[in-house]
PDB file of all heavy atoms in Angstrom:
ATOM      1  N   HIS A   1       0.840  -1.159  -0.069  1.00  0.00           N
ATOM      2  CA  HIS A   1       0.010  -0.018   0.008  1.00  0.00           C
ATOM      3  C   HIS A   1       0.846   1.250   0.003  1.00  0.00           C
ATOM      4  O   HIS A   1       0.306   2.396   0.117  1.00  0.00           O
ATOM      5  CB  HIS A   1      -0.922   0.046   1.251  1.00  0.00           C
ATOM      6  CG  HIS A   1      -2.041  -1.058   1.163  1.00  0.00           C
ATOM      7  ND1 HIS A   1      -1.829  -2.357   1.430  1.00  0.00           N
ATOM      8  CD2 HIS A   1      -3.334  -0.846   0.746  1.00  0.00           C
ATOM      9  CE1 HIS A   1      -2.990  -3.088   1.297  1.00  0.00           C
ATOM     10  NE2 HIS A   1      -3.890  -2.198   0.914  1.00  0.00           N
ATOM     11  N   ASN A   2       2.153   1.073  -0.014  1.00  0.00           N
ATOM     12  CA  ASN A   2       3.090   2.232  -0.174  1.00  0.00           C
ATOM     13  C   ASN A   2       2.928   3.253   0.937  1.00  0.00           C
ATOM     14  O   ASN A   2       2.924   4.550   0.682  1.00  0.00           O
ATOM     15  CB  ASN A   2       2.916   2.887  -1.566  1.00  0.00           C
ATOM     16  CG  ASN A   2       3.376   1.886  -2.672  1.00  0.00           C
ATOM     17  OD1 ASN A   2       4.231   1.190  -2.509  1.00  0.00           O
ATOM     18  ND2 ASN A   2       2.603   1.926  -3.682  1.00  0.00           N
ATOM     19  N   GLY A   3       2.524   2.889   2.188  1.00  0.00           N
ATOM     20  CA  GLY A   3       2.330   3.850   3.279  1.00  0.00           C
ATOM     21  C   GLY A   3       1.109   4.646   3.115  1.00  0.00           C
ATOM     22  O   GLY A   3       1.045   5.685   3.815  1.00  0.00           O
ATOM     23  N   LYS A   4       0.180   4.352   2.264  1.00  0.00           N
ATOM     24  CA  LYS A   4      -1.084   5.137   2.104  1.00  0.00           C
ATOM     25  C   LYS A   4      -2.249   4.564   2.636  1.00  0.00           C
ATOM     26  O   LYS A   4      -3.388   4.821   2.150  1.00  0.00           O
ATOM     27  CB  LYS A   4      -1.290   5.644   0.680  1.00  0.00           C
ATOM     28  CG  LYS A   4      -0.089   6.423   0.115  1.00  0.00           C
ATOM     29  CD  LYS A   4      -0.320   6.723  -1.373  1.00  0.00           C
ATOM     30  CE  LYS A   4       0.875   7.528  -2.028  1.00  0.00           C
ATOM     31  NZ  LYS A   4       0.723   7.873  -3.463  1.00  0.00           N
ATOM     32  N   LEU A   5      -2.185   3.703   3.647  1.00  0.00           N
ATOM     33  CA  LEU A   5      -3.223   2.883   4.162  1.00  0.00           C
ATOM     34  C   LEU A   5      -4.244   3.759   4.683  1.00  0.00           C
ATOM     35  O   LEU A   5      -5.472   3.528   4.668  1.00  0.00           O
ATOM     36  CB  LEU A   5      -2.751   1.869   5.161  1.00  0.00           C
ATOM     37  CG  LEU A   5      -2.078   0.689   4.599  1.00  0.00           C
ATOM     38  CD1 LEU A   5      -1.275  -0.041   5.694  1.00  0.00           C
ATOM     39  CD2 LEU A   5      -3.141  -0.191   3.936  1.00  0.00           C
ATOM     40  N   LEU A   6      -3.840   4.883   5.447  1.00  0.00           N
ATOM     41  CA  LEU A   6      -4.915   5.697   6.086  1.00  0.00           C
ATOM     42  C   LEU A   6      -5.507   6.867   5.216  1.00  0.00           C
ATOM     43  O   LEU A   6      -6.327   7.592   5.621  1.00  0.00           O
ATOM     44  CB  LEU A   6      -4.296   6.224   7.416  1.00  0.00           C
ATOM     45  CG  LEU A   6      -3.995   5.217   8.501  1.00  0.00           C
ATOM     46  CD1 LEU A   6      -3.576   5.909   9.679  1.00  0.00           C
ATOM     47  CD2 LEU A   6      -5.090   4.293   8.826  1.00  0.00           C
ATOM     48  N   SER A   7      -4.995   6.941   3.999  1.00  0.00           N
ATOM     49  CA  SER A   7      -5.517   8.050   3.208  1.00  0.00           C
ATOM     50  C   SER A   7      -6.981   7.849   2.888  1.00  0.00           C
ATOM     51  O   SER A   7      -7.698   8.801   2.952  1.00  0.00           O
ATOM     52  CB  SER A   7      -4.625   8.031   1.924  1.00  0.00           C
ATOM     53  OG  SER A   7      -3.321   8.249   2.184  1.00  0.00           O
ATOM     54  N   PHE A   8      -7.390   6.736   2.577  1.00  0.00           N
ATOM     55  CA  PHE A   8      -8.832   6.392   2.164  1.00  0.00           C
ATOM     56  C   PHE A   8      -9.481   5.410   3.113  1.00  0.00           C
ATOM     57  O   PHE A   8     -10.716   5.454   3.209  1.00  0.00           O
ATOM     58  CB  PHE A   8      -8.925   5.950   0.723  1.00  0.00           C
ATOM     59  CG  PHE A   8      -8.288   6.879  -0.254  1.00  0.00           C
ATOM     60  CD1 PHE A   8      -6.982   6.607  -0.767  1.00  0.00           C
ATOM     61  CD2 PHE A   8      -8.920   8.039  -0.690  1.00  0.00           C
ATOM     62  CE1 PHE A   8      -6.467   7.495  -1.724  1.00  0.00           C
ATOM     63  CE2 PHE A   8      -8.353   8.846  -1.600  1.00  0.00           C
ATOM     64  CZ  PHE A   8      -7.106   8.631  -2.189  1.00  0.00           C
ATOM     65  N   GLY A   9      -8.748   4.642   3.688  1.00  0.00           N
ATOM     66  CA  GLY A   9      -9.299   3.510   4.472  1.00  0.00           C
ATOM     67  C   GLY A   9      -9.332   3.737   6.045  1.00  0.00           C
ATOM     68  O   GLY A   9      -9.291   2.838   6.809  1.00  0.00           O
ATOM     69  N   ILE A  10      -9.157   5.040   6.502  1.00  0.00           N
ATOM     70  CA  ILE A  10      -9.016   5.280   7.872  1.00  0.00           C
ATOM     71  C   ILE A  10     -10.280   4.800   8.616  1.00  0.00           C
ATOM     72  O   ILE A  10     -10.082   4.236   9.745  1.00  0.00           O
ATOM     73  CB  ILE A  10      -8.825   6.791   8.109  1.00  0.00           C
ATOM     74  CG1 ILE A  10      -8.528   6.995   9.601  1.00  0.00           C
ATOM     75  CG2 ILE A  10      -9.922   7.640   7.563  1.00  0.00           C
ATOM     76  CD1 ILE A  10      -8.052   8.396   9.981  1.00  0.00           C
ATOM     77  N   ILE A  11     -11.501   5.028   8.099  1.00  0.00           N
ATOM     78  CA  ILE A  11     -12.708   4.613   8.859  1.00  0.00           C
ATOM     79  C   ILE A  11     -12.731   3.094   9.040  1.00  0.00           C
ATOM     80  O   ILE A  11     -12.954   2.662  10.141  1.00  0.00           O
ATOM     81  CB  ILE A  11     -13.972   5.110   8.081  1.00  0.00           C
ATOM     82  CG1 ILE A  11     -13.886   6.675   8.057  1.00  0.00           C
ATOM     83  CG2 ILE A  11     -15.162   4.599   8.706  1.00  0.00           C
ATOM     84  CD1 ILE A  11     -15.036   7.329   7.345  1.00  0.00           C
ATOM     85  N   ALA A  12     -12.479   2.423   7.933  1.00  0.00           N
ATOM     86  CA  ALA A  12     -12.531   0.920   7.971  1.00  0.00           C
ATOM     87  C   ALA A  12     -11.532   0.362   8.851  1.00  0.00           C
ATOM     88  O   ALA A  12     -11.669  -0.602   9.613  1.00  0.00           O
ATOM     89  CB  ALA A  12     -12.393   0.344   6.537  1.00  0.00           C
ATOM     90  N   THR A  13     -10.257   1.068   8.877  1.00  0.00           N
ATOM     91  CA  THR A  13      -9.104   0.608   9.653  1.00  0.00           C
ATOM     92  C   THR A  13      -9.520   0.692  11.170  1.00  0.00           C
ATOM     93  O   THR A  13      -9.270  -0.134  12.030  1.00  0.00           O
ATOM     94  CB  THR A  13      -7.948   1.397   9.351  1.00  0.00           C
ATOM     95  OG1 THR A  13      -7.649   1.210   7.958  1.00  0.00           O
ATOM     96  CG2 THR A  13      -6.722   0.847  10.135  1.00  0.00           C
ATOM     97  N   ILE A  14      -9.936   1.979  11.531  1.00  0.00           N
ATOM     98  CA  ILE A  14     -10.329   2.174  12.965  1.00  0.00           C
ATOM     99  C   ILE A  14     -11.401   1.337  13.355  1.00  0.00           C
ATOM    100  O   ILE A  14     -11.416   0.753  14.479  1.00  0.00           O
ATOM    101  CB  ILE A  14     -10.640   3.657  13.156  1.00  0.00           C
ATOM    102  CG1 ILE A  14      -9.353   4.541  12.840  1.00  0.00           C
ATOM    103  CG2 ILE A  14     -11.135   3.922  14.567  1.00  0.00           C
ATOM    104  CD1 ILE A  14      -9.743   6.070  12.800  1.00  0.00           C
ATOM    105  N   TRP A  15     -12.422   1.076  12.525  1.00  0.00           N
ATOM    106  CA  TRP A  15     -13.632   0.324  12.848  1.00  0.00           C
ATOM    107  C   TRP A  15     -13.203  -1.230  13.080  1.00  0.00           C
ATOM    108  O   TRP A  15     -13.583  -1.725  14.113  1.00  0.00           O
ATOM    109  CB  TRP A  15     -14.577   0.331  11.685  1.00  0.00           C
ATOM    110  CG  TRP A  15     -15.905  -0.386  12.028  1.00  0.00           C
ATOM    111  CD1 TRP A  15     -16.140  -1.732  11.849  1.00  0.00           C
ATOM    112  CD2 TRP A  15     -17.093   0.186  12.420  1.00  0.00           C
ATOM    113  NE1 TRP A  15     -17.445  -2.002  12.290  1.00  0.00           N
ATOM    114  CE2 TRP A  15     -18.045  -0.835  12.656  1.00  0.00           C
ATOM    115  CE3 TRP A  15     -17.500   1.527  12.769  1.00  0.00           C
ATOM    116  CZ2 TRP A  15     -19.330  -0.564  13.036  1.00  0.00           C
ATOM    117  CZ3 TRP A  15     -18.767   1.772  13.172  1.00  0.00           C
ATOM    118  CH2 TRP A  15     -19.751   0.709  13.303  1.00  0.00           C
ATOM    119  N   SER A  16     -12.272  -1.650  12.215  1.00  0.00           N
ATOM    120  CA  SER A  16     -11.767  -3.016  12.457  1.00  0.00           C
ATOM    121  C   SER A  16     -10.907  -3.172  13.710  1.00  0.00           C
ATOM    122  O   SER A  16     -10.970  -4.106  14.521  1.00  0.00           O
ATOM    123  CB  SER A  16     -10.969  -3.487  11.249  1.00  0.00           C
ATOM    124  OG  SER A  16     -11.786  -3.496  10.146  1.00  0.00           O
ATOM    125  N   ALA A  17     -10.083  -2.134  13.971  1.00  0.00           N
ATOM    126  CA  ALA A  17      -9.166  -2.134  15.114  1.00  0.00           C
ATOM    127  C   ALA A  17      -9.988  -2.092  16.447  1.00  0.00           C
ATOM    128  O   ALA A  17      -9.541  -2.628  17.446  1.00  0.00           O
ATOM    129  CB  ALA A  17      -8.316  -0.986  15.041  1.00  0.00           C
ATOM    130  N   SER A  18     -11.182  -1.494  16.394  1.00  0.00           N
ATOM    131  CA  SER A  18     -12.022  -1.389  17.621  1.00  0.00           C
ATOM    132  C   SER A  18     -12.854  -2.588  17.967  1.00  0.00           C
ATOM    133  O   SER A  18     -13.579  -2.665  18.858  1.00  0.00           O
ATOM    134  CB  SER A  18     -12.900  -0.119  17.533  1.00  0.00           C
ATOM    135  OG  SER A  18     -13.977  -0.314  16.488  1.00  0.00           O
ATOM    136  N   ASN A  19     -12.872  -3.610  17.003  1.00  0.00           N
ATOM    137  CA  ASN A  19     -13.724  -4.818  17.245  1.00  0.00           C
ATOM    138  C   ASN A  19     -13.292  -5.611  18.531  1.00  0.00           C
ATOM    139  O   ASN A  19     -14.121  -6.098  19.191  1.00  0.00           O
ATOM    140  CB  ASN A  19     -13.514  -5.793  16.057  1.00  0.00           C
ATOM    141  CG  ASN A  19     -14.316  -5.317  14.812  1.00  0.00           C
ATOM    142  OD1 ASN A  19     -15.402  -4.733  14.996  1.00  0.00           O
ATOM    143  ND2 ASN A  19     -13.964  -5.712  13.692  1.00  0.00           N
ATOM    144  N   GLY A  20     -12.016  -5.564  18.746  1.00  0.00           N
ATOM    145  CA  GLY A  20     -11.442  -6.233  19.974  1.00  0.00           C
ATOM    146  C   GLY A  20     -12.028  -5.541  21.234  1.00  0.00           C
ATOM    147  O   GLY A  20     -12.468  -6.276  22.185  1.00  0.00           O
ATOM    148  N   ILE A  21     -12.014  -4.226  21.274  1.00  0.00           N
ATOM    149  CA  ILE A  21     -12.477  -3.448  22.431  1.00  0.00           C
ATOM    150  C   ILE A  21     -14.045  -3.614  22.559  1.00  0.00           C
ATOM    151  O   ILE A  21     -14.543  -3.769  23.652  1.00  0.00           O
ATOM    152  CB  ILE A  21     -12.279  -1.935  22.256  1.00  0.00           C
ATOM    153  CG1 ILE A  21     -10.679  -1.690  22.174  1.00  0.00           C
ATOM    154  CG2 ILE A  21     -12.773  -1.178  23.409  1.00  0.00           C
ATOM    155  CD1 ILE A  21      -9.957  -2.122  23.383  1.00  0.00           C
ATOM    156  N   ASN A  22     -14.685  -3.686  21.413  1.00  0.00           N
ATOM    157  CA  ASN A  22     -16.073  -3.904  21.438  1.00  0.00           C
ATOM    158  C   ASN A  22     -16.496  -5.267  22.007  1.00  0.00           C
ATOM    159  O   ASN A  22     -17.524  -5.332  22.787  1.00  0.00           O
ATOM    160  CB  ASN A  22     -16.761  -3.771  19.985  1.00  0.00           C
ATOM    161  CG  ASN A  22     -18.168  -3.611  20.021  1.00  0.00           C
ATOM    162  OD1 ASN A  22     -18.696  -2.725  20.757  1.00  0.00           O
ATOM    163  ND2 ASN A  22     -18.855  -4.238  19.091  1.00  0.00           N
ATOM    164  N   ALA A  23     -15.667  -6.322  21.714  1.00  0.00           N
ATOM    165  CA  ALA A  23     -15.978  -7.619  22.366  1.00  0.00           C
ATOM    166  C   ALA A  23     -15.683  -7.540  23.831  1.00  0.00           C
ATOM    167  O   ALA A  23     -16.433  -8.257  24.609  1.00  0.00           O
ATOM    168  CB  ALA A  23     -15.044  -8.660  21.702  1.00  0.00           C
ATOM    169  N   ILE A  24     -14.684  -6.766  24.255  1.00  0.00           N
ATOM    170  CA  ILE A  24     -14.427  -6.678  25.684  1.00  0.00           C
ATOM    171  C   ILE A  24     -15.607  -5.973  26.398  1.00  0.00           C
ATOM    172  O   ILE A  24     -15.951  -6.337  27.553  1.00  0.00           O
ATOM    173  CB  ILE A  24     -13.177  -5.856  25.967  1.00  0.00           C
ATOM    174  CG1 ILE A  24     -11.965  -6.687  25.483  1.00  0.00           C
ATOM    175  CG2 ILE A  24     -13.028  -5.523  27.445  1.00  0.00           C
ATOM    176  CD1 ILE A  24     -10.621  -5.918  25.593  1.00  0.00           C
ATOM    177  N   VAL A  25     -16.275  -5.081  25.780  1.00  0.00           N
ATOM    178  CA  VAL A  25     -17.422  -4.337  26.337  1.00  0.00           C
ATOM    179  C   VAL A  25     -18.481  -5.396  26.597  1.00  0.00           C
ATOM    180  O   VAL A  25     -19.101  -5.360  27.618  1.00  0.00           O
ATOM    181  CB  VAL A  25     -17.865  -3.252  25.382  1.00  0.00           C
ATOM    182  CG1 VAL A  25     -19.271  -2.634  25.882  1.00  0.00           C
ATOM    183  CG2 VAL A  25     -16.948  -2.080  25.301  1.00  0.00           C
ATOM    184  N   ARG A  26     -18.842  -6.210  25.647  1.00  0.00           N
ATOM    185  CA  ARG A  26     -19.826  -7.182  25.894  1.00  0.00           C
ATOM    186  C   ARG A  26     -19.587  -8.185  26.931  1.00  0.00           C
ATOM    187  O   ARG A  26     -20.415  -8.535  27.689  1.00  0.00           O
ATOM    188  CB  ARG A  26     -20.068  -7.930  24.510  1.00  0.00           C
ATOM    189  CG  ARG A  26     -20.566  -7.115  23.376  1.00  0.00           C
ATOM    190  CD  ARG A  26     -21.187  -7.933  22.273  1.00  0.00           C
ATOM    191  NE  ARG A  26     -20.059  -8.842  21.695  1.00  0.00           N
ATOM    192  CZ  ARG A  26     -19.386  -8.411  20.665  1.00  0.00           C
ATOM    193  NH1 ARG A  26     -19.501  -7.195  20.158  1.00  0.00           N
ATOM    194  NH2 ARG A  26     -18.435  -9.224  20.178  1.00  0.00           N
ATOM    195  N   ALA A  27     -18.270  -8.539  27.110  1.00  0.00           N
ATOM    196  CA  ALA A  27     -17.864  -9.510  28.138  1.00  0.00           C
ATOM    197  C   ALA A  27     -18.056  -8.862  29.497  1.00  0.00           C
ATOM    198  O   ALA A  27     -18.385  -9.412  30.433  1.00  0.00           O
ATOM    199  CB  ALA A  27     -16.377  -9.886  27.915  1.00  0.00           C
TER     200      ALA A  27
END
């Protein structure tokens, strides 16, 4: 991705990264 991962996919990246925290909330 030549270091441009967050240029367009920042929302999807943050959403995916927060899945672990969201699972902890349910637990």
